[in-house]
Structure formats: structure tokens, C-alpha cells
Amino acid sequence: MANRKKKQGRKEVLDRWKAEQRALARRTLPPPIQEMQHEILGAIKPSDAFQGDGIATIEHESRKIQIHISPDGEHFKTTLKLAEGVVTRLKELDRTAKRIIVRDLRDCYNGGWNEYQVAQEDGSVKTVRNPQLSERDFETKFSLIEAEVVGKRMIDFIYEDSGLFWGHSVIVTSLSGIDFSDAEAELFG
């Protein structure tokens, strides 16, 4: 009796899984976007990675920055409007995001990421202690390299960190659109 209930339970789970897979297969992908010219973002090309997403490349602080536009279930025009706001206010938003990095990650860096060990030829290790950084010095170490605009209010800014966090990415995520009232910085990778 117990084995029979166990088999029946497994069959129900398998049947539910198969139904979910069939439902996923029936879902339609968003329509692919066509390459377009935008007055603020410039050329927007379709993403090779995700159908329905677009990528624009803009100039910011003498660097080329990719802006990924990912509707995530919203209409492309809705996310495009958010991307316009990001690019229009990019200088200000970059400063705000860097202040968030300082707020969320400076103590983390000064509390241990500034120290590491290097193996010596004789097999011993040498501890290297970089100086702790002031808020201003810490903030200057970060350069915006990419932005992702998702749906109608999520924004990710990805930063290069001058090697402070040993190859990890630093990402500032705003879940409140361009006002960054609900934003935080984190290490990734």
C-alpha cells in the first residue's frame, strides 16, 4: 500500500512537471525588435542573446557604454522610455550610484578586501595591506561600463572597480526606476 501511494505521488509530480513543460513550450517569445535609430539613444540593435531585447551604445565620460533594454514582459516602448530617462540623466545617476557603492561597500573593502596574501618563490606567503580608502578615494575607483534597463522600473549599473574586489563585478540595482530610492550595491561573481 505504501509503495503504491509513493508511485502514485511520483506520477502526480511527473504529470504536473510535464504539464508545466508543455505550457512553457506554448508560450510565445516576444517579437524581435528591428534595428532602429532613436533620437536620444542613437542606434538600437536587436540583442543576439534575448529575443525582444535591444542594445544601444552611448558615450559617457569618454567611454562607450552599452545600454541593454530588456522589456521583461512589458511593451518595448515602456522600457525604452525608462532607458531614455537613464541616458538623459546618466551623469547624475552615475554619481548617485557611486554614492550607493560607497555607502554599501566601502566598509566591506576597508574591513578586509584591502588585505591579501601573495605566495613567494620559497613557498611562504606575504601579507599585502593596501591602505584603507576615504569615501572620496573609494568613489573614484569606480567606472560605469554597462547599464541594463529592465521592465518599467529596474535599472542595473555595472562598474569596473580598479581591482579592489579581486575581479568581482560591482552592480548597483535600482528597483525604483531613476529615483534610486530603493537601490543597493553588491558584489557579483
Foldseek 3Di string as FASTA:
>chain_A
DVVVVVVVVVVVVVVVVVVVVVVVVPDDFPAADPWDQDPQQGTWHTDPVGGPKTWGWDADPNAIEIEIQAQQPHHSVLSVVLVSVCSVCVVVLLVVQLLQCLVAPLCVLQVPLQWDWDQDPVRDIDIDGDHRDDSVRQSVQWDFHYWYGYHNAKIKTWIDRVCSNPPWIKIKIARGGSVSPPIHIDTHD
